[in-house]
Amino acid sequence: MSTQLLRKLEGMGRLRLSRNFFMRDFLHSEVAAINGIVNQPTDFDLAVFAGRHLCEELLEPLQTTFGRIHIRSGYRSAELNAYCHEHRLGRASNDLNRAHHIWDLRDADGYCGASACIVIPWFIDRYSDPGDWQRMAWWIHDHLPYSTLKFFSKLSAFNIGWHEKPKRRIDSVAYPRGCLTKPGMANHAGSHAALYRGFPELRLPG
């Protein structure tokens, strides 16, 4: 890697997206590191715009409410995402990941978005039964302006996405698999507080 490129990446990483999150938090990728792929945005301004909304509207309230959150993955360049998809590393195609993990590409309708895969230690320390992920899903649904959520089995990790035109849809590959809710489903509206008793009240960054 050239010195010029290294300095460019260092500069990108230092950019502060919100009170507690910097761009560097979202650029690391084991796949990129092992395979010599530079995970950097082509449209840096768009990536920053979407990333700031993700951090300020979703990640900061989660961290203020539940304590430190762990970021498993965040931004993926189109090159990195294509490599992962081609080698069947559990990544959707570039078309599906635009305005999702590929922060610097708008979707087919021209909207931007950003997502990250996170783990909340507060949650995994307290809930481990199959299906418990639904408690966190409903809490987020009732409190935060998310676009999409997708839950996984390991560590109750989940993708959380911000989007200019929110889909308000929750899916899971953990038990029970499938779509938990989306607009038009009978369970979508109203309060779901009974499903996450014992959870803290929403706290916003001060």
C-alpha atoms as a PDB file:
ATOM      1  CA  MET A   1       0.000   0.000   0.000  1.00  0.00           C
ATOM      2  CA  SER A   2       1.400   3.397  -0.975  1.00  0.00           C
ATOM      3  CA  THR A   3       2.107   6.070   1.621  1.00  0.00           C
ATOM      4  CA  GLN A   4      -0.359   8.373  -0.132  1.00  0.00           C
ATOM      5  CA  LEU A   5      -3.165   5.815   0.070  1.00  0.00           C
ATOM      6  CA  LEU A   6      -2.342   5.042   3.695  1.00  0.00           C
ATOM      7  CA  ARG A   7      -2.577   8.715   4.620  1.00  0.00           C
ATOM      8  CA  LYS A   8      -5.881   9.005   2.748  1.00  0.00           C
ATOM      9  CA  LEU A   9      -7.316   6.073   4.695  1.00  0.00           C
ATOM     10  CA  GLU A  10      -6.027   7.463   7.981  1.00  0.00           C
ATOM     11  CA  GLY A  11      -7.723  10.765   7.205  1.00  0.00           C
ATOM     12  CA  MET A  12     -10.997   9.018   6.402  1.00  0.00           C
ATOM     13  CA  GLY A  13     -10.825   7.015   9.604  1.00  0.00           C
ATOM     14  CA  ARG A  14     -10.383  10.106  11.760  1.00  0.00           C
ATOM     15  CA  LEU A  15     -13.627  11.655  10.570  1.00  0.00           C
ATOM     16  CA  ARG A  16     -16.134  11.778  13.409  1.00  0.00           C
ATOM     17  CA  LEU A  17     -19.619  10.618  12.468  1.00  0.00           C
ATOM     18  CA  SER A  18     -21.266  11.267  15.843  1.00  0.00           C
ATOM     19  CA  ARG A  19     -20.445  11.767  19.500  1.00  0.00           C
ATOM     20  CA  ASN A  20     -19.020   8.260  20.004  1.00  0.00           C
ATOM     21  CA  PHE A  21     -18.381   6.879  16.510  1.00  0.00           C
ATOM     22  CA  PHE A  22     -15.698   7.537  13.937  1.00  0.00           C
ATOM     23  CA  MET A  23     -15.516   6.376  10.333  1.00  0.00           C
ATOM     24  CA  ARG A  24     -12.693   3.992  11.227  1.00  0.00           C
ATOM     25  CA  ASP A  25     -15.118   1.986  13.397  1.00  0.00           C
ATOM     26  CA  PHE A  26     -16.906   0.898  10.228  1.00  0.00           C
ATOM     27  CA  LEU A  27     -14.056   0.353   7.751  1.00  0.00           C
ATOM     28  CA  HIS A  28     -12.396  -2.759   9.187  1.00  0.00           C
ATOM     29  CA  SER A  29     -13.047  -6.043   7.392  1.00  0.00           C
ATOM     30  CA  GLU A  30     -11.268  -9.348   7.974  1.00  0.00           C
ATOM     31  CA  VAL A  31     -12.062 -10.397   4.407  1.00  0.00           C
ATOM     32  CA  ALA A  32     -10.590  -7.185   3.007  1.00  0.00           C
ATOM     33  CA  ALA A  33      -7.455  -7.459   5.149  1.00  0.00           C
ATOM     34  CA  ILE A  34      -6.774 -11.092   4.234  1.00  0.00           C
ATOM     35  CA  ASN A  35      -7.384 -10.576   0.522  1.00  0.00           C
ATOM     36  CA  GLY A  36      -5.648  -7.230   0.081  1.00  0.00           C
ATOM     37  CA  ILE A  37      -8.823  -5.277  -0.717  1.00  0.00           C
ATOM     38  CA  VAL A  38      -8.856  -1.608   0.259  1.00  0.00           C
ATOM     39  CA  ASN A  39     -12.219  -0.967   1.877  1.00  0.00           C
ATOM     40  CA  GLN A  40     -12.711   2.721   1.107  1.00  0.00           C
ATOM     41  CA  PRO A  41     -15.695   4.725  -0.183  1.00  0.00           C
ATOM     42  CA  THR A  42     -15.644   6.042  -3.743  1.00  0.00           C
ATOM     43  CA  ASP A  43     -18.191   8.736  -2.889  1.00  0.00           C
ATOM     44  CA  PHE A  44     -16.886   9.705   0.527  1.00  0.00           C
ATOM     45  CA  ASP A  45     -19.359  12.558   1.059  1.00  0.00           C
ATOM     46  CA  LEU A  46     -22.361  10.278   0.465  1.00  0.00           C
ATOM     47  CA  ALA A  47     -20.926   7.600   2.752  1.00  0.00           C
ATOM     48  CA  VAL A  48     -20.413  10.187   5.498  1.00  0.00           C
ATOM     49  CA  PHE A  49     -23.914  11.616   5.052  1.00  0.00           C
ATOM     50  CA  ALA A  50     -25.564   8.201   5.379  1.00  0.00           C
ATOM     51  CA  GLY A  51     -23.182   7.051   8.113  1.00  0.00           C
ATOM     52  CA  ARG A  52     -23.908  10.091  10.239  1.00  0.00           C
ATOM     53  CA  HIS A  53     -27.639   9.417  10.111  1.00  0.00           C
ATOM     54  CA  LEU A  54     -27.023   5.776  11.050  1.00  0.00           C
ATOM     55  CA  CYS A  55     -24.894   6.772  14.021  1.00  0.00           C
ATOM     56  CA  GLU A  56     -26.865   9.761  15.286  1.00  0.00           C
ATOM     57  CA  GLU A  57     -30.381   8.346  14.878  1.00  0.00           C
ATOM     58  CA  LEU A  58     -29.820   4.664  15.686  1.00  0.00           C
ATOM     59  CA  LEU A  59     -26.445   3.704  17.160  1.00  0.00           C
ATOM     60  CA  GLU A  60     -26.048   6.589  19.600  1.00  0.00           C
ATOM     61  CA  PRO A  61     -29.490   6.063  21.214  1.00  0.00           C
ATOM     62  CA  LEU A  62     -28.795   2.324  21.475  1.00  0.00           C
ATOM     63  CA  GLN A  63     -25.435   2.915  23.147  1.00  0.00           C
ATOM     64  CA  THR A  64     -26.797   5.583  25.490  1.00  0.00           C
ATOM     65  CA  THR A  65     -29.627   3.261  26.538  1.00  0.00           C
ATOM     66  CA  PHE A  66     -27.899  -0.129  26.742  1.00  0.00           C
ATOM     67  CA  GLY A  67     -24.227   0.709  27.223  1.00  0.00           C
ATOM     68  CA  ARG A  68     -21.407   0.089  24.798  1.00  0.00           C
ATOM     69  CA  ILE A  69     -22.348  -1.634  21.556  1.00  0.00           C
ATOM     70  CA  HIS A  70     -19.935  -3.730  19.505  1.00  0.00           C
ATOM     71  CA  ILE A  71     -19.706  -3.150  15.760  1.00  0.00           C
ATOM     72  CA  ARG A  72     -19.196  -6.424  13.862  1.00  0.00           C
ATOM     73  CA  SER A  73     -19.182  -4.861  10.398  1.00  0.00           C
ATOM     74  CA  GLY A  74     -20.262  -1.646   8.766  1.00  0.00           C
ATOM     75  CA  TYR A  75     -19.325  -0.073   5.470  1.00  0.00           C
ATOM     76  CA  ARG A  76     -18.369  -2.264   2.503  1.00  0.00           C
ATOM     77  CA  SER A  77     -16.995  -0.981  -0.757  1.00  0.00           C
ATOM     78  CA  ALA A  78     -18.640  -2.272  -3.914  1.00  0.00           C
ATOM     79  CA  GLU A  79     -15.424  -4.193  -4.656  1.00  0.00           C
ATOM     80  CA  LEU A  80     -15.380  -5.869  -1.249  1.00  0.00           C
ATOM     81  CA  ASN A  81     -19.070  -6.710  -1.282  1.00  0.00           C
ATOM     82  CA  ALA A  82     -18.820  -8.179  -4.798  1.00  0.00           C
ATOM     83  CA  TYR A  83     -15.888 -10.346  -3.691  1.00  0.00           C
ATOM     84  CA  CYS A  84     -17.837 -11.618  -0.675  1.00  0.00           C
ATOM     85  CA  HIS A  85     -20.898 -12.362  -2.788  1.00  0.00           C
ATOM     86  CA  GLU A  86     -18.874 -14.125  -5.495  1.00  0.00           C
ATOM     87  CA  HIS A  87     -17.132 -16.337  -2.931  1.00  0.00           C
ATOM     88  CA  ARG A  88     -20.379 -17.095  -1.057  1.00  0.00           C
ATOM     89  CA  LEU A  89     -19.312 -15.451   2.166  1.00  0.00           C
ATOM     90  CA  GLY A  90     -22.837 -14.668   3.263  1.00  0.00           C
ATOM     91  CA  ARG A  91     -23.189 -11.328   1.512  1.00  0.00           C
ATOM     92  CA  ALA A  92     -26.012 -10.187  -0.758  1.00  0.00           C
ATOM     93  CA  SER A  93     -25.287  -8.882  -4.245  1.00  0.00           C
ATOM     94  CA  ASN A  94     -24.179  -5.305  -4.838  1.00  0.00           C
ATOM     95  CA  ASP A  95     -27.626  -4.427  -6.200  1.00  0.00           C
ATOM     96  CA  LEU A  96     -29.257  -5.547  -2.948  1.00  0.00           C
ATOM     97  CA  ASN A  97     -26.619  -3.919  -0.729  1.00  0.00           C
ATOM     98  CA  ARG A  98     -26.717  -0.457  -2.300  1.00  0.00           C
ATOM     99  CA  ALA A  99     -27.844   2.039   0.386  1.00  0.00           C
ATOM    100  CA  HIS A 100     -27.364  -0.762   2.904  1.00  0.00           C
ATOM    101  CA  HIS A 101     -23.827  -1.973   3.626  1.00  0.00           C
ATOM    102  CA  ILE A 102     -22.587  -0.081   0.555  1.00  0.00           C
ATOM    103  CA  TRP A 103     -23.114   3.379   1.982  1.00  0.00           C
ATOM    104  CA  ASP A 104     -21.763   5.281  -1.021  1.00  0.00           C
ATOM    105  CA  LEU A 105     -24.151   3.878  -3.655  1.00  0.00           C
ATOM    106  CA  ARG A 106     -27.781   4.951  -3.856  1.00  0.00           C
ATOM    107  CA  ASP A 107     -30.447   2.306  -4.371  1.00  0.00           C
ATOM    108  CA  ALA A 108     -32.387   1.778  -7.597  1.00  0.00           C
ATOM    109  CA  ASP A 109     -34.878   4.487  -6.571  1.00  0.00           C
ATOM    110  CA  GLY A 110     -32.154   7.051  -5.886  1.00  0.00           C
ATOM    111  CA  TYR A 111     -32.273   6.930  -2.087  1.00  0.00           C
ATOM    112  CA  CYS A 112     -29.278   6.603   0.207  1.00  0.00           C
ATOM    113  CA  GLY A 113     -28.825   4.568   3.348  1.00  0.00           C
ATOM    114  CA  ALA A 114     -26.351   2.835   5.636  1.00  0.00           C
ATOM    115  CA  SER A 115     -26.323  -0.208   7.871  1.00  0.00           C
ATOM    116  CA  ALA A 116     -24.078  -1.947  10.365  1.00  0.00           C
ATOM    117  CA  CYS A 117     -24.020  -5.336  12.040  1.00  0.00           C
ATOM    118  CA  ILE A 118     -23.870  -4.907  15.811  1.00  0.00           C
ATOM    119  CA  VAL A 119     -23.899  -6.840  19.068  1.00  0.00           C
ATOM    120  CA  ILE A 120     -25.311  -5.422  22.324  1.00  0.00           C
ATOM    121  CA  PRO A 121     -23.511  -7.001  25.328  1.00  0.00           C
ATOM    122  CA  TRP A 122     -26.285  -5.869  27.720  1.00  0.00           C
ATOM    123  CA  PHE A 123     -28.713  -8.011  25.751  1.00  0.00           C
ATOM    124  CA  ILE A 124     -26.639 -11.180  25.332  1.00  0.00           C
ATOM    125  CA  ASP A 125     -25.780 -11.134  29.051  1.00  0.00           C
ATOM    126  CA  ARG A 126     -29.488 -11.360  29.915  1.00  0.00           C
ATOM    127  CA  TYR A 127     -31.263 -13.193  27.108  1.00  0.00           C
ATOM    128  CA  SER A 128     -30.141 -16.443  25.494  1.00  0.00           C
ATOM    129  CA  ASP A 129     -33.285 -18.502  24.816  1.00  0.00           C
ATOM    130  CA  PRO A 130     -34.304 -19.181  21.206  1.00  0.00           C
ATOM    131  CA  GLY A 131     -36.541 -16.404  19.983  1.00  0.00           C
ATOM    132  CA  ASP A 132     -35.347 -13.868  22.551  1.00  0.00           C
ATOM    133  CA  TRP A 133     -34.057 -11.687  19.704  1.00  0.00           C
ATOM    134  CA  GLN A 134     -37.683 -10.637  19.208  1.00  0.00           C
ATOM    135  CA  ARG A 135     -37.562  -8.683  22.487  1.00  0.00           C
ATOM    136  CA  MET A 136     -34.842  -6.398  21.122  1.00  0.00           C
ATOM    137  CA  ALA A 137     -36.530  -6.246  17.728  1.00  0.00           C
ATOM    138  CA  TRP A 138     -39.779  -4.959  19.193  1.00  0.00           C
ATOM    139  CA  TRP A 139     -38.009  -2.485  21.495  1.00  0.00           C
ATOM    140  CA  ILE A 140     -36.211  -0.954  18.519  1.00  0.00           C
ATOM    141  CA  HIS A 141     -39.417  -1.016  16.474  1.00  0.00           C
ATOM    142  CA  ASP A 142     -41.242   0.998  19.141  1.00  0.00           C
ATOM    143  CA  HIS A 143     -38.464   3.490  19.853  1.00  0.00           C
ATOM    144  CA  LEU A 144     -36.153   4.156  16.877  1.00  0.00           C
ATOM    145  CA  PRO A 145     -36.524   5.277  13.232  1.00  0.00           C
ATOM    146  CA  TYR A 146     -34.885   2.181  11.745  1.00  0.00           C
ATOM    147  CA  SER A 147     -35.420   1.054   8.155  1.00  0.00           C
ATOM    148  CA  THR A 148     -34.493  -2.642   8.352  1.00  0.00           C
ATOM    149  CA  LEU A 149     -33.421  -5.099  11.034  1.00  0.00           C
ATOM    150  CA  LYS A 150     -32.078  -8.595  10.401  1.00  0.00           C
ATOM    151  CA  PHE A 151     -31.189 -10.896  13.293  1.00  0.00           C
ATOM    152  CA  PHE A 152     -28.620 -13.718  13.369  1.00  0.00           C
ATOM    153  CA  SER A 153     -28.012 -16.660  15.692  1.00  0.00           C
ATOM    154  CA  LYS A 154     -24.455 -15.971  16.904  1.00  0.00           C
ATOM    155  CA  LEU A 155     -24.294 -13.498  19.798  1.00  0.00           C
ATOM    156  CA  SER A 156     -27.774 -12.247  18.836  1.00  0.00           C
ATOM    157  CA  ALA A 157     -26.027 -10.004  16.332  1.00  0.00           C
ATOM    158  CA  PHE A 158     -28.194  -8.019  13.976  1.00  0.00           C
ATOM    159  CA  ASN A 159     -28.022  -5.680  11.024  1.00  0.00           C
ATOM    160  CA  ILE A 160     -29.608  -2.308  11.657  1.00  0.00           C
ATOM    161  CA  GLY A 161     -30.169   0.083   8.792  1.00  0.00           C
ATOM    162  CA  TRP A 162     -31.015   3.739   8.300  1.00  0.00           C
ATOM    163  CA  HIS A 163     -32.576   4.795   4.982  1.00  0.00           C
ATOM    164  CA  GLU A 164     -33.998   7.984   3.493  1.00  0.00           C
ATOM    165  CA  LYS A 165     -37.242   6.096   2.845  1.00  0.00           C
ATOM    166  CA  PRO A 166     -37.505   3.631   5.770  1.00  0.00           C
ATOM    167  CA  LYS A 167     -38.943   0.186   5.027  1.00  0.00           C
ATOM    168  CA  ARG A 168     -39.739  -0.574   8.700  1.00  0.00           C
ATOM    169  CA  ARG A 169     -39.203  -4.293   8.159  1.00  0.00           C
ATOM    170  CA  ILE A 170     -37.720  -6.889  10.551  1.00  0.00           C
ATOM    171  CA  ASP A 171     -36.374 -10.270   9.410  1.00  0.00           C
ATOM    172  CA  SER A 172     -34.399 -13.060  11.048  1.00  0.00           C
ATOM    173  CA  VAL A 173     -32.327 -16.091  10.112  1.00  0.00           C
ATOM    174  CA  ALA A 174     -32.356 -17.053  13.803  1.00  0.00           C
ATOM    175  CA  TYR A 175     -35.263 -19.072  15.225  1.00  0.00           C
ATOM    176  CA  PRO A 176     -38.035 -18.356  14.440  1.00  0.00           C
ATOM    177  CA  ARG A 177     -36.870 -17.543  10.905  1.00  0.00           C
ATOM    178  CA  GLY A 178     -38.648 -15.211   8.544  1.00  0.00           C
ATOM    179  CA  CYS A 179     -40.299 -11.801   8.621  1.00  0.00           C
ATOM    180  CA  LEU A 180     -41.351 -10.633  12.082  1.00  0.00           C
ATOM    181  CA  THR A 181     -43.133  -7.522  10.863  1.00  0.00           C
ATOM    182  CA  LYS A 182     -43.471  -5.121   7.955  1.00  0.00           C
ATOM    183  CA  PRO A 183     -46.023  -2.509   6.923  1.00  0.00           C
ATOM    184  CA  GLY A 184     -49.385  -4.133   6.303  1.00  0.00           C
ATOM    185  CA  MET A 185     -48.952  -6.920   8.846  1.00  0.00           C
ATOM    186  CA  ALA A 186     -51.451  -6.949  11.711  1.00  0.00           C
ATOM    187  CA  ASN A 187     -48.695  -6.757  14.339  1.00  0.00           C
ATOM    188  CA  HIS A 188     -46.979  -3.684  12.885  1.00  0.00           C
ATOM    189  CA  ALA A 189     -48.789  -0.823  14.626  1.00  0.00           C
ATOM    190  CA  GLY A 190     -49.268   0.007  18.286  1.00  0.00           C
ATOM    191  CA  SER A 191     -47.158  -0.608  21.374  1.00  0.00           C
ATOM    192  CA  HIS A 192     -45.340  -3.910  21.913  1.00  0.00           C
ATOM    193  CA  ALA A 193     -44.118  -3.073  25.424  1.00  0.00           C
ATOM    194  CA  ALA A 194     -45.428  -6.327  26.896  1.00  0.00           C
ATOM    195  CA  LEU A 195     -42.941  -8.214  24.694  1.00  0.00           C
ATOM    196  CA  TYR A 196     -39.853  -6.523  26.146  1.00  0.00           C
ATOM    197  CA  ARG A 197     -40.624  -6.132  29.844  1.00  0.00           C
ATOM    198  CA  GLY A 198     -37.490  -5.383  31.865  1.00  0.00           C
ATOM    199  CA  PHE A 199     -35.874  -3.308  29.147  1.00  0.00           C
ATOM    200  CA  PRO A 200     -34.676   0.189  30.022  1.00  0.00           C
ATOM    201  CA  GLU A 201     -36.462   3.308  28.894  1.00  0.00           C
ATOM    202  CA  LEU A 202     -35.055   5.007  25.808  1.00  0.00           C
ATOM    203  CA  ARG A 203     -32.242   7.409  26.677  1.00  0.00           C
ATOM    204  CA  LEU A 204     -31.031   9.951  24.129  1.00  0.00           C
ATOM    205  CA  PRO A 205     -27.472  11.325  24.011  1.00  0.00           C
ATOM    206  CA  GLY A 206     -27.222  14.429  26.173  1.00  0.00           C
END
